[in-house]
Amino acid sequence: MKTLVKYMKLTEIVASGGVTGTQPPPRLELLPVEFKLDGPATYLSWSHRIIGALAGRSLDGYLTREEKEPPVKTSNEWKAWRATHMSVYTWLLNSMVPSIATTVDGILSVKEIWEKLQKTYAGRGNNMRVFQIEQEIDVVW
């Protein structure tokens, strides 16, 4: 009888994903964005496409941080959150031309990247004009 109980528990453990319950998160498939952010002129169209693509997969919370990072960094929930967050992060960087991607490459939060790009390219304040002037100066030099 003890052997049968042990076998049943072992079967439950295997069925649940192992002793620790760790399973790799499901693979996230995001289609490449053909329309790349390359400056202020493309920001509005690009941002709408990004929001649409992420909302279509219920991932837009990573832009707004409604999808909160779980507090326990060793939990399976946190591992799944991080895997998805980093997939969105990489996908977002790949949706920009390299010169823009390098300006946000060191920022590891999708929300912070999104906010920096908004401040720089959305036409709020003087950041967009500063960027245009810097581009013009680079062309002259």
N, C-alpha and C. Protein backbone atom coordinates (compact mmCIF):
# COMPACT_ATOMS: atom_id res chain seq x y z
N MET A 1 0.81 -1.19 0.00
CA MET A 1 0.00 0.00 0.00
C MET A 1 0.87 1.27 0.00
N LYS A 2 1.96 1.27 0.82
CA LYS A 2 2.85 2.42 0.85
C LYS A 2 3.46 2.68 -0.52
N THR A 3 3.82 1.63 -1.23
CA THR A 3 4.40 1.76 -2.55
C THR A 3 3.41 2.40 -3.51
N LEU A 4 2.14 2.03 -3.42
CA LEU A 4 1.11 2.61 -4.28
C LEU A 4 0.96 4.10 -3.99
N VAL A 5 0.97 4.49 -2.72
CA VAL A 5 0.85 5.89 -2.34
C VAL A 5 2.05 6.68 -2.86
N LYS A 6 3.27 6.15 -2.69
CA LYS A 6 4.47 6.81 -3.21
C LYS A 6 4.39 6.96 -4.72
N TYR A 7 3.93 5.91 -5.41
CA TYR A 7 3.80 5.97 -6.85
C TYR A 7 2.81 7.05 -7.27
N MET A 8 1.70 7.15 -6.55
CA MET A 8 0.68 8.16 -6.88
C MET A 8 1.24 9.56 -6.66
N LYS A 9 2.00 9.77 -5.57
CA LYS A 9 2.60 11.08 -5.32
C LYS A 9 3.64 11.41 -6.38
N LEU A 10 4.45 10.42 -6.76
CA LEU A 10 5.45 10.63 -7.80
C LEU A 10 4.78 10.98 -9.12
N THR A 11 3.68 10.31 -9.43
CA THR A 11 2.93 10.60 -10.65
C THR A 11 2.41 12.03 -10.63
N GLU A 12 1.91 12.48 -9.47
CA GLU A 12 1.44 13.86 -9.35
C GLU A 12 2.57 14.86 -9.54
N ILE A 13 3.74 14.56 -8.98
CA ILE A 13 4.90 15.45 -9.10
C ILE A 13 5.32 15.56 -10.56
N VAL A 14 5.40 14.45 -11.25
CA VAL A 14 5.79 14.46 -12.66
C VAL A 14 4.75 15.21 -13.48
N ALA A 15 3.47 14.97 -13.21
CA ALA A 15 2.40 15.63 -13.96
C ALA A 15 2.39 17.13 -13.72
N SER A 16 2.82 17.57 -12.53
CA SER A 16 2.79 19.00 -12.22
C SER A 16 4.04 19.73 -12.70
N GLY A 17 4.98 19.03 -13.28
CA GLY A 17 6.14 19.72 -13.83
C GLY A 17 7.43 19.46 -13.09
N GLY A 18 7.44 18.55 -12.18
CA GLY A 18 8.68 18.22 -11.50
C GLY A 18 8.62 18.52 -10.03
N VAL A 19 9.70 18.25 -9.37
CA VAL A 19 9.76 18.41 -7.92
C VAL A 19 9.57 19.86 -7.54
N THR A 20 10.19 20.76 -8.25
CA THR A 20 10.07 22.18 -7.91
C THR A 20 8.91 22.85 -8.62
N GLY A 21 8.28 22.15 -9.54
CA GLY A 21 7.17 22.74 -10.28
C GLY A 21 7.63 23.71 -11.35
N THR A 22 8.92 23.68 -11.68
CA THR A 22 9.41 24.62 -12.67
C THR A 22 9.26 24.05 -14.06
N GLN A 23 8.67 24.81 -14.89
CA GLN A 23 8.56 24.48 -16.30
C GLN A 23 8.92 25.73 -17.07
N PRO A 24 9.52 25.57 -18.21
CA PRO A 24 9.81 26.79 -18.97
C PRO A 24 8.51 27.46 -19.36
N PRO A 25 8.47 28.79 -19.32
CA PRO A 25 7.24 29.47 -19.72
C PRO A 25 6.95 29.21 -21.19
N PRO A 26 5.69 29.30 -21.57
CA PRO A 26 5.39 29.09 -22.99
C PRO A 26 6.11 30.12 -23.84
N ARG A 27 6.52 29.71 -25.01
CA ARG A 27 7.26 30.59 -25.92
C ARG A 27 6.36 31.71 -26.42
N LEU A 28 6.85 32.92 -26.29
CA LEU A 28 6.10 34.09 -26.72
C LEU A 28 6.44 34.40 -28.16
N GLU A 29 5.44 34.47 -28.99
CA GLU A 29 5.63 34.77 -30.41
C GLU A 29 5.10 36.16 -30.71
N LEU A 30 5.99 37.09 -31.00
CA LEU A 30 5.61 38.42 -31.45
C LEU A 30 6.15 38.61 -32.86
N LEU A 31 5.28 38.99 -33.77
CA LEU A 31 5.70 39.19 -35.15
C LEU A 31 6.62 40.40 -35.24
N PRO A 32 7.61 40.34 -36.12
CA PRO A 32 8.50 41.50 -36.29
C PRO A 32 7.72 42.72 -36.77
N VAL A 33 8.15 43.87 -36.32
CA VAL A 33 7.53 45.12 -36.75
C VAL A 33 8.30 45.62 -37.97
N GLU A 34 7.61 45.66 -39.09
CA GLU A 34 8.26 46.10 -40.33
C GLU A 34 8.44 47.61 -40.35
N PHE A 35 7.59 48.33 -39.63
CA PHE A 35 7.62 49.78 -39.59
C PHE A 35 8.45 50.20 -38.38
N LYS A 36 9.67 50.59 -38.60
CA LYS A 36 10.61 50.88 -37.51
C LYS A 36 10.55 52.35 -37.11
N LEU A 37 10.74 52.58 -35.82
CA LEU A 37 10.87 53.94 -35.31
C LEU A 37 12.21 54.49 -35.77
N ASP A 38 12.16 55.60 -36.52
CA ASP A 38 13.42 56.20 -36.95
C ASP A 38 13.49 57.70 -36.66
N GLY A 39 12.57 58.18 -35.84
CA GLY A 39 12.62 59.58 -35.45
C GLY A 39 11.23 60.14 -35.20
N PRO A 40 11.15 61.44 -34.99
CA PRO A 40 9.87 62.08 -34.66
C PRO A 40 8.78 61.88 -35.71
N ALA A 41 9.17 61.84 -36.97
CA ALA A 41 8.18 61.73 -38.04
C ALA A 41 7.45 60.39 -38.03
N THR A 42 8.06 59.35 -37.52
CA THR A 42 7.42 58.03 -37.53
C THR A 42 6.91 57.61 -36.15
N TYR A 43 7.15 58.43 -35.13
CA TYR A 43 6.81 58.01 -33.77
C TYR A 43 5.34 57.67 -33.59
N LEU A 44 4.44 58.53 -34.04
CA LEU A 44 3.02 58.33 -33.80
C LEU A 44 2.51 57.02 -34.42
N SER A 45 2.83 56.80 -35.68
CA SER A 45 2.41 55.55 -36.34
C SER A 45 3.06 54.34 -35.68
N TRP A 46 4.34 54.45 -35.37
CA TRP A 46 5.06 53.35 -34.73
C TRP A 46 4.44 53.01 -33.37
N SER A 47 4.17 54.03 -32.56
CA SER A 47 3.64 53.77 -31.21
C SER A 47 2.26 53.13 -31.27
N HIS A 48 1.44 53.54 -32.23
CA HIS A 48 0.12 52.90 -32.39
C HIS A 48 0.25 51.43 -32.77
N ARG A 49 1.19 51.13 -33.64
CA ARG A 49 1.41 49.73 -34.04
C ARG A 49 1.95 48.89 -32.88
N ILE A 50 2.82 49.47 -32.08
CA ILE A 50 3.37 48.75 -30.92
C ILE A 50 2.26 48.45 -29.92
N ILE A 51 1.47 49.46 -29.60
CA ILE A 51 0.37 49.26 -28.65
C ILE A 51 -0.60 48.21 -29.19
N GLY A 52 -0.93 48.29 -30.46
CA GLY A 52 -1.86 47.32 -31.05
C GLY A 52 -1.32 45.90 -31.02
N ALA A 53 -0.05 45.75 -31.37
CA ALA A 53 0.55 44.41 -31.39
C ALA A 53 0.60 43.82 -29.99
N LEU A 54 0.97 44.63 -29.00
CA LEU A 54 1.05 44.12 -27.64
C LEU A 54 -0.33 43.91 -27.03
N ALA A 55 -1.27 44.80 -27.29
CA ALA A 55 -2.62 44.64 -26.77
C ALA A 55 -3.29 43.40 -27.36
N GLY A 56 -2.97 43.08 -28.59
CA GLY A 56 -3.51 41.89 -29.22
C GLY A 56 -3.06 40.60 -28.55
N ARG A 57 -2.01 40.68 -27.77
CA ARG A 57 -1.50 39.51 -27.03
C ARG A 57 -1.62 39.73 -25.52
N SER A 58 -2.39 40.75 -25.13
CA SER A 58 -2.56 41.12 -23.71
C SER A 58 -1.23 41.40 -23.02
N LEU A 59 -0.34 42.06 -23.73
CA LEU A 59 0.98 42.39 -23.19
C LEU A 59 1.20 43.89 -23.03
N ASP A 60 0.20 44.70 -23.34
CA ASP A 60 0.38 46.15 -23.25
C ASP A 60 0.59 46.62 -21.82
N GLY A 61 0.28 45.81 -20.83
CA GLY A 61 0.54 46.15 -19.43
C GLY A 61 2.02 46.29 -19.13
N TYR A 62 2.88 45.72 -19.98
CA TYR A 62 4.32 45.89 -19.78
C TYR A 62 4.76 47.31 -20.13
N LEU A 63 4.02 47.98 -21.01
CA LEU A 63 4.34 49.37 -21.36
C LEU A 63 3.91 50.32 -20.24
N THR A 64 2.82 49.99 -19.58
CA THR A 64 2.24 50.87 -18.57
C THR A 64 2.60 50.46 -17.16
N ARG A 65 3.22 49.34 -17.02
CA ARG A 65 3.58 48.69 -15.77
C ARG A 65 2.35 48.25 -14.97
N GLU A 66 1.22 48.08 -15.68
CA GLU A 66 0.07 47.45 -15.05
C GLU A 66 0.40 45.98 -14.79
N GLU A 67 1.27 45.44 -15.62
CA GLU A 67 1.76 44.07 -15.42
C GLU A 67 2.94 44.19 -14.46
N LYS A 68 2.66 44.03 -13.20
CA LYS A 68 3.67 44.29 -12.17
C LYS A 68 4.62 43.10 -11.99
N GLU A 69 5.85 43.45 -11.68
CA GLU A 69 6.86 42.44 -11.39
C GLU A 69 6.56 41.79 -10.05
N PRO A 70 6.45 40.47 -10.01
CA PRO A 70 6.23 39.79 -8.74
C PRO A 70 7.36 40.08 -7.76
N PRO A 71 7.05 40.20 -6.47
CA PRO A 71 8.06 40.61 -5.49
C PRO A 71 9.13 39.56 -5.20
N VAL A 72 8.79 38.30 -5.29
CA VAL A 72 9.75 37.24 -4.94
C VAL A 72 10.49 36.83 -6.20
N LYS A 73 11.76 37.23 -6.30
CA LYS A 73 12.53 37.02 -7.52
C LYS A 73 12.93 35.57 -7.78
N THR A 74 12.65 34.69 -6.86
CA THR A 74 12.97 33.27 -7.08
C THR A 74 11.73 32.44 -7.38
N SER A 75 10.56 33.08 -7.38
CA SER A 75 9.32 32.34 -7.60
C SER A 75 9.14 32.00 -9.07
N ASN A 76 8.35 30.98 -9.33
CA ASN A 76 8.04 30.61 -10.71
C ASN A 76 7.26 31.72 -11.41
N GLU A 77 6.43 32.41 -10.65
CA GLU A 77 5.66 33.53 -11.20
C GLU A 77 6.60 34.62 -11.70
N TRP A 78 7.64 34.93 -10.91
CA TRP A 78 8.60 35.96 -11.32
C TRP A 78 9.39 35.51 -12.55
N LYS A 79 9.78 34.24 -12.57
CA LYS A 79 10.52 33.73 -13.73
C LYS A 79 9.69 33.84 -15.00
N ALA A 80 8.42 33.52 -14.92
CA ALA A 80 7.54 33.64 -16.09
C ALA A 80 7.37 35.11 -16.47
N TRP A 81 7.21 36.00 -15.46
CA TRP A 81 7.08 37.42 -15.74
C TRP A 81 8.34 37.95 -16.42
N ARG A 82 9.50 37.58 -15.90
CA ARG A 82 10.77 38.05 -16.46
C ARG A 82 10.97 37.56 -17.89
N ALA A 83 10.64 36.31 -18.15
CA ALA A 83 10.79 35.77 -19.50
C ALA A 83 9.93 36.56 -20.48
N THR A 84 8.71 36.84 -20.10
CA THR A 84 7.82 37.62 -20.97
C THR A 84 8.31 39.05 -21.10
N HIS A 85 8.70 39.67 -19.98
CA HIS A 85 9.20 41.05 -19.99
C HIS A 85 10.40 41.18 -20.91
N MET A 86 11.35 40.26 -20.82
CA MET A 86 12.54 40.35 -21.65
C MET A 86 12.22 40.08 -23.12
N SER A 87 11.23 39.25 -23.40
CA SER A 87 10.80 39.05 -24.79
C SER A 87 10.21 40.33 -25.36
N VAL A 88 9.37 41.00 -24.57
CA VAL A 88 8.79 42.28 -25.00
C VAL A 88 9.90 43.32 -25.15
N TYR A 89 10.84 43.34 -24.24
CA TYR A 89 11.98 44.27 -24.27
C TYR A 89 12.77 44.11 -25.57
N THR A 90 13.14 42.88 -25.89
CA THR A 90 13.93 42.61 -27.09
C THR A 90 13.13 42.96 -28.34
N TRP A 91 11.88 42.58 -28.35
CA TRP A 91 11.01 42.87 -29.49
C TRP A 91 10.89 44.38 -29.70
N LEU A 92 10.73 45.12 -28.60
CA LEU A 92 10.61 46.57 -28.67
C LEU A 92 11.88 47.19 -29.25
N LEU A 93 13.05 46.75 -28.77
CA LEU A 93 14.32 47.28 -29.31
C LEU A 93 14.46 46.95 -30.79
N ASN A 94 14.02 45.78 -31.20
CA ASN A 94 14.11 45.39 -32.60
C ASN A 94 13.14 46.15 -33.49
N SER A 95 12.21 46.90 -32.89
CA SER A 95 11.26 47.67 -33.68
C SER A 95 11.76 49.08 -33.96
N MET A 96 13.02 49.34 -33.62
CA MET A 96 13.62 50.67 -33.82
C MET A 96 14.85 50.55 -34.71
N VAL A 97 15.17 51.65 -35.37
CA VAL A 97 16.43 51.65 -36.12
C VAL A 97 17.56 51.63 -35.09
N PRO A 98 18.72 51.07 -35.44
CA PRO A 98 19.80 50.91 -34.46
C PRO A 98 20.21 52.19 -33.74
N SER A 99 20.21 53.32 -34.42
CA SER A 99 20.65 54.56 -33.76
C SER A 99 19.71 54.97 -32.62
N ILE A 100 18.44 54.66 -32.74
CA ILE A 100 17.49 54.97 -31.66
C ILE A 100 17.54 53.88 -30.60
N ALA A 101 17.64 52.63 -31.02
CA ALA A 101 17.70 51.52 -30.06
C ALA A 101 18.88 51.68 -29.10
N THR A 102 20.00 52.18 -29.59
CA THR A 102 21.17 52.34 -28.71
C THR A 102 20.95 53.41 -27.65
N THR A 103 20.04 54.34 -27.89
CA THR A 103 19.79 55.39 -26.89
C THR A 103 19.01 54.86 -25.69
N VAL A 104 18.35 53.72 -25.84
CA VAL A 104 17.57 53.15 -24.74
C VAL A 104 18.05 51.76 -24.36
N ASP A 105 19.11 51.31 -24.97
CA ASP A 105 19.59 49.94 -24.80
C ASP A 105 19.95 49.60 -23.36
N GLY A 106 20.43 50.54 -22.59
CA GLY A 106 20.82 50.27 -21.21
C GLY A 106 19.67 50.28 -20.22
N ILE A 107 18.50 50.72 -20.66
CA ILE A 107 17.33 50.76 -19.79
C ILE A 107 16.69 49.38 -19.83
N LEU A 108 16.55 48.72 -18.68
CA LEU A 108 16.03 47.36 -18.67
C LEU A 108 14.53 47.26 -18.43
N SER A 109 13.87 48.36 -18.19
CA SER A 109 12.43 48.36 -17.97
C SER A 109 11.70 48.78 -19.25
N VAL A 110 10.78 47.95 -19.70
CA VAL A 110 10.00 48.28 -20.90
C VAL A 110 9.25 49.60 -20.69
N LYS A 111 8.67 49.78 -19.51
CA LYS A 111 7.93 51.01 -19.22
C LYS A 111 8.83 52.24 -19.30
N GLU A 112 10.05 52.14 -18.76
CA GLU A 112 10.97 53.28 -18.80
C GLU A 112 11.42 53.59 -20.22
N ILE A 113 11.62 52.56 -21.04
CA ILE A 113 11.94 52.78 -22.46
C ILE A 113 10.79 53.51 -23.13
N TRP A 114 9.59 53.01 -22.90
CA TRP A 114 8.39 53.60 -23.51
C TRP A 114 8.26 55.07 -23.12
N GLU A 115 8.46 55.38 -21.86
CA GLU A 115 8.35 56.76 -21.39
C GLU A 115 9.44 57.65 -21.98
N LYS A 116 10.66 57.15 -22.08
CA LYS A 116 11.74 57.94 -22.66
C LYS A 116 11.46 58.25 -24.13
N LEU A 117 10.98 57.26 -24.86
CA LEU A 117 10.66 57.48 -26.27
C LEU A 117 9.51 58.47 -26.42
N GLN A 118 8.52 58.39 -25.53
CA GLN A 118 7.42 59.37 -25.56
C GLN A 118 7.94 60.78 -25.34
N LYS A 119 8.78 60.95 -24.32
CA LYS A 119 9.32 62.27 -24.01
C LYS A 119 10.15 62.81 -25.17
N THR A 120 10.89 61.92 -25.82
CA THR A 120 11.79 62.35 -26.88
C THR A 120 11.06 62.63 -28.20
N TYR A 121 10.08 61.78 -28.56
CA TYR A 121 9.53 61.85 -29.91
C TYR A 121 8.05 62.22 -30.01
N ALA A 122 7.32 62.29 -28.92
CA ALA A 122 5.87 62.51 -29.02
C ALA A 122 5.51 63.97 -29.25
N GLY A 123 6.48 64.86 -29.24
CA GLY A 123 6.18 66.25 -29.51
C GLY A 123 5.79 67.03 -28.28
N ARG A 124 5.91 66.43 -27.12
CA ARG A 124 5.61 67.13 -25.88
C ARG A 124 6.88 67.83 -25.40
N GLY A 125 6.78 69.07 -25.05
CA GLY A 125 7.96 69.80 -24.60
C GLY A 125 8.87 70.10 -25.77
N ASN A 126 10.14 70.31 -25.50
CA ASN A 126 11.11 70.66 -26.54
C ASN A 126 11.99 69.50 -26.96
N ASN A 127 11.80 68.32 -26.38
CA ASN A 127 12.70 67.20 -26.68
C ASN A 127 12.72 66.83 -28.15
N MET A 128 11.56 66.86 -28.80
CA MET A 128 11.51 66.49 -30.21
C MET A 128 12.31 67.50 -31.04
N ARG A 129 12.16 68.77 -30.74
CA ARG A 129 12.88 69.79 -31.50
C ARG A 129 14.39 69.69 -31.24
N VAL A 130 14.78 69.40 -30.02
CA VAL A 130 16.19 69.21 -29.70
C VAL A 130 16.75 68.06 -30.53
N PHE A 131 16.01 66.96 -30.62
CA PHE A 131 16.46 65.82 -31.42
C PHE A 131 16.62 66.22 -32.89
N GLN A 132 15.65 66.95 -33.44
CA GLN A 132 15.73 67.37 -34.84
C GLN A 132 16.95 68.25 -35.07
N ILE A 133 17.20 69.16 -34.17
CA ILE A 133 18.37 70.05 -34.31
C ILE A 133 19.66 69.25 -34.23
N GLU A 134 19.72 68.28 -33.31
CA GLU A 134 20.92 67.43 -33.21
C GLU A 134 21.14 66.65 -34.51
N GLN A 135 20.06 66.18 -35.10
CA GLN A 135 20.19 65.44 -36.37
C GLN A 135 20.69 66.36 -37.48
N GLU A 136 20.18 67.58 -37.52
CA GLU A 136 20.63 68.54 -38.51
C GLU A 136 22.10 68.88 -38.32
N ILE A 137 22.54 69.03 -37.09
CA ILE A 137 23.93 69.35 -36.80
C ILE A 137 24.82 68.19 -37.23
N ASP A 138 24.37 66.94 -36.98
CA ASP A 138 25.15 65.78 -37.38
C ASP A 138 25.31 65.73 -38.90
N VAL A 139 24.30 66.13 -39.65
CA VAL A 139 24.37 66.12 -41.11
C VAL A 139 25.38 67.16 -41.59
N VAL A 140 25.39 68.33 -40.97
CA VAL A 140 26.29 69.40 -41.36
C VAL A 140 27.74 69.02 -41.06
N TRP A 141 28.00 68.41 -39.94
CA TRP A 141 29.35 68.06 -39.58
C TRP A 141 29.76 66.86 -40.29
